[in-house]
């Protein structure tokens, strides 16, 4: 009887994953974007995973600590997402096998640090799992599900430990990245309780982070539109993931402001009506250090094209943002194009 109940639980979970993934991403096999994705995925079919137990790039300059090793290991993640999409497009089991191998490798090695800047791109791994969960080997599905659950619940637990006056990283872009990871984990797992917690955290972040005029606290701390984009993009990704469960987070209003209000504030800069010199009055020494060593984007005039992905994602939630998205880039990033653009 216990084995029967366990089997039913696994089948139900797989069905939930498949249903969520269908809502989250609906690739059209005959589209030019899907054909291009398949060609790109085929070039990586022979690649092998390079997992690390820990990654660290946050707050580091080139050749500092394990930055370079971490960047190299992270190259697995877009390959993994690409293979998952290729499987959904083509049904070619070579791609499913690659996803299974990569997920098994990372789930067997990686241990979360709960630094949201180091871990933000794990959304690619989570989305790859969501796209393939129903078809993975049981061992890989179970191990990957444990990792994703530990990420989502672990970030919630870390947030719940915040007490007293909130520090910058509890309300700035760091919190936006935490919320993205919790939300995509909840959707991938079909965990509605976790998703409700994510929505509560999302609304609190809007209250803490988006000011009455639509600007975000990161802009006032860093004097940089770079950090406006970096703050808003994970929130838009969270809102897009939640759409798979029927939620409209983009327009959720808290204290007379919303995520859409923050995007509206950025639009005049994105479409070229206004310009901004980056990091001139930043309060963060690390920004000055990066400018000193010549890292691109940490001085000079902000380049609107750097917000193309943000506005293409936002356009999937509200077509008002489609004209500015098209102005910034004729076509979105390949994964956005395959999943959402019809």
Protein backbone atom coordinates (compact mmCIF):
# COMPACT_ATOMS: atom_id res chain seq x y z
CA UNK A 1 0.00 0.00 0.00
CA UNK A 2 2.82 2.43 0.89
CA UNK A 3 4.53 1.72 -2.42
CA UNK A 4 1.26 2.36 -4.24
CA UNK A 5 0.78 5.69 -2.48
CA UNK A 6 4.38 6.66 -3.25
CA UNK A 7 3.93 5.78 -6.92
CA UNK A 8 0.74 7.85 -7.09
CA UNK A 9 2.51 10.77 -5.41
CA UNK A 10 5.37 10.61 -7.93
CA UNK A 11 2.92 10.41 -10.85
CA UNK A 12 0.91 13.35 -9.54
CA UNK A 13 4.05 15.41 -9.04
CA UNK A 14 5.23 14.64 -12.56
CA UNK A 15 1.80 15.62 -13.94
CA UNK A 16 1.91 18.92 -12.02
CA UNK A 17 5.41 19.65 -13.31
CA UNK A 18 4.33 18.94 -16.88
CA UNK A 19 1.24 21.13 -16.57
CA UNK A 20 3.21 24.01 -15.11
CA UNK A 21 5.94 23.68 -17.74
CA UNK A 22 3.33 23.71 -20.52
CA UNK A 23 1.95 26.98 -19.18
CA UNK A 24 5.42 28.40 -18.60
CA UNK A 25 6.86 27.67 -22.03
CA UNK A 26 5.04 26.70 -25.22
CA UNK A 27 7.62 26.29 -28.01
CA UNK A 28 6.43 25.97 -31.60
CA UNK A 29 8.55 23.41 -33.41
CA UNK A 30 8.09 24.97 -36.85
CA UNK A 31 9.16 28.50 -35.86
CA UNK A 32 12.45 29.94 -37.06
CA UNK A 33 13.46 30.57 -33.43
CA UNK A 34 12.92 26.91 -32.55
CA UNK A 35 14.94 25.77 -35.55
CA UNK A 36 17.79 28.08 -34.53
CA UNK A 37 17.57 26.76 -30.96
CA UNK A 38 17.81 23.17 -32.19
CA UNK A 39 20.86 23.99 -34.29
CA UNK A 40 22.56 25.65 -31.32
CA UNK A 41 21.66 22.79 -28.99
CA UNK A 42 23.04 20.22 -31.41
CA UNK A 43 26.44 21.93 -31.31
CA UNK A 44 26.60 21.25 -27.55
CA UNK A 45 25.34 17.66 -27.55
CA UNK A 46 28.84 16.34 -26.88
CA UNK A 47 29.54 18.72 -23.99
CA UNK A 48 29.96 17.38 -20.47
CA UNK A 49 28.84 18.99 -17.19
CA UNK A 50 31.36 20.78 -14.99
CA UNK A 51 29.61 21.08 -11.60
CA UNK A 52 31.12 22.71 -8.55
CA UNK A 53 29.91 22.36 -4.94
CA UNK A 54 30.02 26.14 -4.51
CA UNK A 55 30.19 29.23 -6.74
CA UNK A 56 31.29 32.75 -5.90
CA UNK A 57 31.42 35.79 -8.17
CA UNK A 58 29.57 38.40 -6.09
CA UNK A 59 31.77 41.30 -5.05
CA UNK A 60 34.84 39.96 -6.85
CA UNK A 61 37.13 41.53 -9.43
CA UNK A 62 38.76 39.48 -12.21
CA UNK A 63 41.17 36.77 -11.01
CA UNK A 64 39.94 37.03 -7.44
CA UNK A 65 39.08 33.89 -5.46
CA UNK A 66 37.09 31.30 -7.42
CA UNK A 67 35.53 33.85 -9.75
CA UNK A 68 36.94 32.39 -12.99
CA UNK A 69 36.18 28.77 -12.00
CA UNK A 70 32.64 29.81 -11.10
CA UNK A 71 32.09 31.61 -14.40
CA UNK A 72 33.37 28.53 -16.26
CA UNK A 73 31.06 26.19 -14.33
CA UNK A 74 28.03 28.44 -14.88
CA UNK A 75 28.39 27.95 -18.63
CA UNK A 76 26.67 24.60 -18.02
CA UNK A 77 23.41 26.31 -17.15
CA UNK A 78 22.43 27.90 -20.49
CA UNK A 79 23.47 24.65 -22.20
CA UNK A 80 21.13 22.79 -19.85
CA UNK A 81 18.20 25.12 -20.52
CA UNK A 82 18.91 24.96 -24.25
CA UNK A 83 18.88 21.14 -24.19
CA UNK A 84 15.59 21.15 -22.24
CA UNK A 85 14.00 23.43 -24.82
CA UNK A 86 15.41 21.30 -27.64
CA UNK A 87 13.77 18.24 -26.05
CA UNK A 88 10.42 20.02 -25.82
CA UNK A 89 10.70 21.20 -29.43
CA UNK A 90 11.91 18.00 -31.06
CA UNK A 91 11.22 15.04 -28.77
CA UNK A 92 14.76 13.90 -29.57
CA UNK A 93 15.78 11.80 -26.57
CA UNK A 94 19.43 12.76 -26.98
CA UNK A 95 18.53 16.14 -25.52
CA UNK A 96 16.56 14.59 -22.69
CA UNK A 97 19.56 12.38 -21.87
CA UNK A 98 21.79 15.45 -21.82
CA UNK A 99 19.42 17.25 -19.47
CA UNK A 100 19.25 14.20 -17.23
CA UNK A 101 23.06 13.94 -17.13
CA UNK A 102 23.58 17.63 -16.37
CA UNK A 103 20.86 17.77 -13.71
CA UNK A 104 22.16 14.62 -12.04
CA UNK A 105 25.70 16.03 -12.02
CA UNK A 106 24.72 19.36 -10.47
CA UNK A 107 22.17 17.91 -8.03
CA UNK A 108 24.78 15.45 -6.83
CA UNK A 109 27.48 18.06 -6.21
CA UNK A 110 26.06 21.54 -5.66
CA UNK A 111 25.36 22.83 -2.16
CA UNK A 112 23.45 26.14 -1.91
CA UNK A 113 25.17 29.08 -0.22
CA UNK A 114 22.04 31.31 -0.31
CA UNK A 115 23.94 34.21 -1.81
CA UNK A 116 21.33 35.37 -4.37
CA UNK A 117 23.87 37.12 -6.58
CA UNK A 118 26.02 34.01 -6.87
CA UNK A 119 22.96 31.80 -7.39
CA UNK A 120 20.59 33.96 -9.43
CA UNK A 121 21.33 32.15 -12.70
CA UNK A 122 20.24 28.85 -11.18
CA UNK A 123 16.83 29.81 -12.57
CA UNK A 124 18.12 28.26 -15.82
CA UNK A 125 18.64 24.94 -14.03
CA UNK A 126 15.23 25.16 -12.37
CA UNK A 127 13.50 25.95 -15.65
CA UNK A 128 15.29 23.05 -17.37
CA UNK A 129 13.93 20.78 -14.65
CA UNK A 130 10.41 22.20 -15.05
CA UNK A 131 10.52 21.55 -18.79
CA UNK A 132 11.60 17.93 -18.44
CA UNK A 133 10.59 16.69 -14.96
CA UNK A 134 7.90 14.30 -16.13
CA UNK A 135 10.39 12.54 -18.44
CA UNK A 136 13.53 12.44 -16.30
CA UNK A 137 14.81 9.27 -14.72
CA UNK A 138 13.24 8.86 -11.25
CA UNK A 139 16.65 9.24 -9.56
CA UNK A 140 17.42 12.51 -11.33
CA UNK A 141 13.91 13.86 -10.81
CA UNK A 142 14.11 13.13 -7.08
CA UNK A 143 17.62 14.55 -6.61
CA UNK A 144 16.86 17.67 -8.65
CA UNK A 145 13.57 18.19 -6.85
CA UNK A 146 15.39 18.04 -3.50
CA UNK A 147 17.92 20.64 -4.65
CA UNK A 148 15.24 22.97 -5.98
CA UNK A 149 13.13 22.55 -2.83
CA UNK A 150 16.16 23.28 -0.66
CA UNK A 151 16.79 26.46 -2.65
CA UNK A 152 13.22 27.73 -2.48
CA UNK A 153 12.58 26.86 1.16
CA UNK A 154 16.12 27.85 2.14
CA UNK A 155 15.72 31.36 0.75
CA UNK A 156 12.38 31.71 2.52
CA UNK A 157 14.04 30.64 5.78
CA UNK A 158 16.86 33.13 5.27
CA UNK A 159 14.39 35.95 4.70
CA UNK A 160 12.42 34.97 7.79
CA UNK A 161 15.60 35.39 9.84
CA UNK A 162 15.72 39.12 9.04
CA UNK A 163 14.92 41.11 12.19
CA UNK A 164 14.99 44.76 13.13
CA UNK A 165 15.57 47.61 10.67
CA UNK A 166 16.11 46.21 7.19
CA UNK A 167 19.57 46.50 5.67
CA UNK A 168 20.16 47.36 2.03
CA UNK A 169 20.57 43.79 0.83
CA UNK A 170 17.24 42.88 2.46
CA UNK A 171 15.34 45.28 0.20
CA UNK A 172 17.52 46.00 -2.83
CA UNK A 173 18.31 43.87 -5.88
CA UNK A 174 19.53 41.02 -3.64
CA UNK A 175 15.97 40.55 -2.39
CA UNK A 176 14.61 40.70 -5.93
CA UNK A 177 16.91 37.82 -6.90
CA UNK A 178 15.86 35.82 -3.82
CA UNK A 179 12.21 36.26 -4.76
CA UNK A 180 12.86 35.17 -8.35
CA UNK A 181 14.54 31.96 -7.19
CA UNK A 182 11.75 31.17 -4.71
CA UNK A 183 9.08 31.80 -7.35
CA UNK A 184 10.62 29.74 -10.14
CA UNK A 185 11.31 26.94 -7.63
CA UNK A 186 7.67 26.98 -6.52
CA UNK A 187 6.37 26.86 -10.09
CA UNK A 188 8.82 24.12 -11.11
CA UNK A 189 7.77 21.99 -8.14
CA UNK A 190 4.07 22.79 -8.44
CA UNK A 191 4.27 23.94 -4.80
CA UNK A 192 1.33 26.30 -4.34
CA UNK A 193 2.11 27.00 -0.68
CA UNK A 194 5.62 28.14 -1.60
CA UNK A 195 4.20 30.23 -4.43
CA UNK A 196 1.85 32.01 -2.02
CA UNK A 197 4.80 32.78 0.24
CA UNK A 198 6.69 34.07 -2.79
CA UNK A 199 3.81 36.39 -3.66
CA UNK A 200 3.77 37.80 -0.13
CA UNK A 201 7.52 38.44 -0.36
CA UNK A 202 7.08 39.96 -3.82
CA UNK A 203 4.48 42.44 -2.55
CA UNK A 204 6.70 43.34 0.39
CA UNK A 205 9.57 43.97 -2.00
CA UNK A 206 7.42 46.32 -4.05
CA UNK A 207 6.59 48.19 -0.84
CA UNK A 208 10.23 48.32 0.28
CA UNK A 209 11.94 48.86 -3.06
CA UNK A 210 9.71 50.86 -5.42
CA UNK A 211 9.25 54.49 -4.46
CA UNK A 212 6.20 56.67 -5.08
CA UNK A 213 7.59 58.04 -8.36
CA UNK A 214 8.37 54.54 -9.68
CA UNK A 215 12.11 54.74 -9.11
CA UNK A 216 13.77 51.97 -7.12
CA UNK A 217 16.03 52.24 -4.10
CA UNK A 218 18.92 50.72 -6.05
CA UNK A 219 18.98 53.77 -8.33
CA UNK A 220 19.37 56.12 -5.39
CA UNK A 221 22.09 53.96 -3.80
CA UNK A 222 24.11 53.30 -6.95
CA UNK A 223 23.18 56.22 -9.23
CA UNK A 224 23.04 53.71 -12.05
CA UNK A 225 20.35 52.44 -14.42
CA UNK A 226 22.43 49.27 -14.61
CA UNK A 227 21.14 48.44 -11.13
CA UNK A 228 17.58 49.45 -11.96
CA UNK A 229 17.59 46.76 -14.66
CA UNK A 230 19.35 44.30 -12.36
CA UNK A 231 16.72 44.93 -9.69
CA UNK A 232 13.65 44.76 -11.95
CA UNK A 233 14.57 41.88 -14.26
CA UNK A 234 14.32 39.17 -11.56
CA UNK A 235 10.99 40.60 -10.39
CA UNK A 236 9.65 40.46 -13.95
CA UNK A 237 10.93 36.89 -14.26
CA UNK A 238 9.10 36.04 -11.04
CA UNK A 239 5.92 37.64 -12.37
CA UNK A 240 6.25 35.71 -15.63
CA UNK A 241 6.73 32.43 -13.77
CA UNK A 242 3.70 33.16 -11.57
CA UNK A 243 1.61 33.75 -14.69
CA UNK A 244 1.78 29.98 -15.25
CA UNK A 245 -0.35 29.64 -12.10
CA UNK A 246 -2.74 32.38 -13.16
CA UNK A 247 -1.24 35.24 -11.16
CA UNK A 248 -0.89 38.85 -12.34
CA UNK A 249 2.01 40.13 -10.29
CA UNK A 250 3.09 42.85 -12.72
CA UNK A 251 0.15 45.08 -11.86
CA UNK A 252 -0.22 44.11 -8.19
CA UNK A 253 -0.43 47.44 -6.38
CA UNK A 254 1.14 48.00 -2.98
CA UNK A 255 1.18 51.47 -1.38
CA UNK A 256 -0.01 52.97 -4.70
CA UNK A 257 2.94 51.60 -6.65
CA UNK A 258 3.74 48.42 -8.57
CA UNK A 259 6.29 46.64 -10.70
CA UNK A 260 4.68 48.13 -13.80
CA UNK A 261 5.15 51.61 -12.30
CA UNK A 262 8.87 50.90 -11.93
CA UNK A 263 9.08 49.77 -15.55
CA UNK A 264 7.20 52.90 -16.63
CA UNK A 265 9.78 55.01 -14.79
CA UNK A 266 12.57 53.34 -16.79
CA UNK A 267 10.89 53.60 -20.21
CA UNK A 268 12.03 57.19 -21.04
CA UNK A 269 15.65 56.11 -20.49
CA UNK A 270 15.18 52.92 -22.49
CA UNK A 271 13.61 54.65 -25.50
CA UNK A 272 16.23 57.40 -25.56
CA UNK A 273 14.11 60.31 -24.35
CA UNK A 274 16.45 60.67 -21.37
CA UNK A 275 20.08 59.69 -20.72
CA UNK A 276 22.11 59.02 -17.60
CA UNK A 277 25.78 59.04 -16.64
CA UNK A 278 26.35 55.89 -14.66
CA UNK A 279 27.67 55.56 -11.08
CA UNK A 280 28.70 59.20 -10.75
CA UNK A 281 27.33 59.46 -7.20
CA UNK A 282 27.33 55.79 -6.18
CA UNK A 283 27.61 55.09 -2.47
CA UNK A 284 29.26 51.70 -3.06
CA UNK A 285 33.04 51.41 -3.21
CA UNK A 286 32.91 48.24 -5.29
CA UNK A 287 31.30 50.20 -8.14
CA UNK A 288 34.28 52.56 -8.10
CA UNK A 289 36.69 49.61 -8.01
CA UNK A 290 35.11 48.07 -11.10
CA UNK A 291 35.30 51.37 -12.94
CA UNK A 292 38.96 51.66 -11.94
CA UNK A 293 39.89 48.27 -13.45
CA UNK A 294 37.95 49.09 -16.62
CA UNK A 295 34.97 46.73 -16.35
CA UNK A 296 32.49 47.65 -19.08
CA UNK A 297 29.30 49.40 -18.01
CA UNK A 298 30.56 50.88 -14.74
CA UNK A 299 31.15 54.39 -16.05
CA UNK A 300 29.96 56.55 -18.92
CA UNK A 301 26.51 56.90 -20.43
CA UNK A 302 24.05 54.10 -19.81
CA UNK A 303 23.37 51.97 -22.89
CA UNK A 304 19.62 51.38 -23.31
CA UNK A 305 20.16 48.11 -25.22
CA UNK A 306 21.25 46.54 -21.93
CA UNK A 307 17.57 46.58 -20.92
CA UNK A 308 16.36 44.65 -23.98
CA UNK A 309 15.84 41.38 -22.13
CA UNK A 310 13.98 43.16 -19.33
CA UNK A 311 11.50 44.78 -21.70
CA UNK A 312 11.05 41.68 -23.89
CA UNK A 313 10.16 39.76 -20.73
CA UNK A 314 7.84 42.54 -19.57
CA UNK A 315 6.17 42.56 -22.99
CA UNK A 316 5.05 38.98 -22.39
CA UNK A 317 3.05 40.28 -19.44
CA UNK A 318 1.88 43.62 -20.85
CA UNK A 319 1.95 44.43 -24.56
CA UNK A 320 2.48 48.10 -23.74
CA UNK A 321 6.18 47.29 -23.42
CA UNK A 322 6.47 45.66 -26.85
CA UNK A 323 7.34 48.85 -28.80
CA UNK A 324 10.26 49.71 -26.51
CA UNK A 325 11.38 46.06 -26.52
CA UNK A 326 11.46 46.07 -30.33
CA UNK A 327 13.27 49.39 -30.36
CA UNK A 328 15.97 47.93 -28.12
CA UNK A 329 16.33 44.62 -30.01
CA UNK A 330 14.48 43.42 -33.11
CA UNK A 331 14.24 39.95 -31.59
CA UNK A 332 14.48 38.80 -27.97
CA UNK A 333 17.03 36.39 -26.54
CA UNK A 334 16.62 32.92 -28.05
CA UNK A 335 15.02 31.33 -24.95
CA UNK A 336 12.43 34.11 -24.72
CA UNK A 337 11.71 33.83 -28.42
CA UNK A 338 11.22 30.06 -28.27
CA UNK A 339 9.06 30.06 -25.14
CA UNK A 340 6.85 33.09 -25.49
CA UNK A 341 6.98 34.93 -28.81
CA UNK A 342 4.45 33.68 -31.34
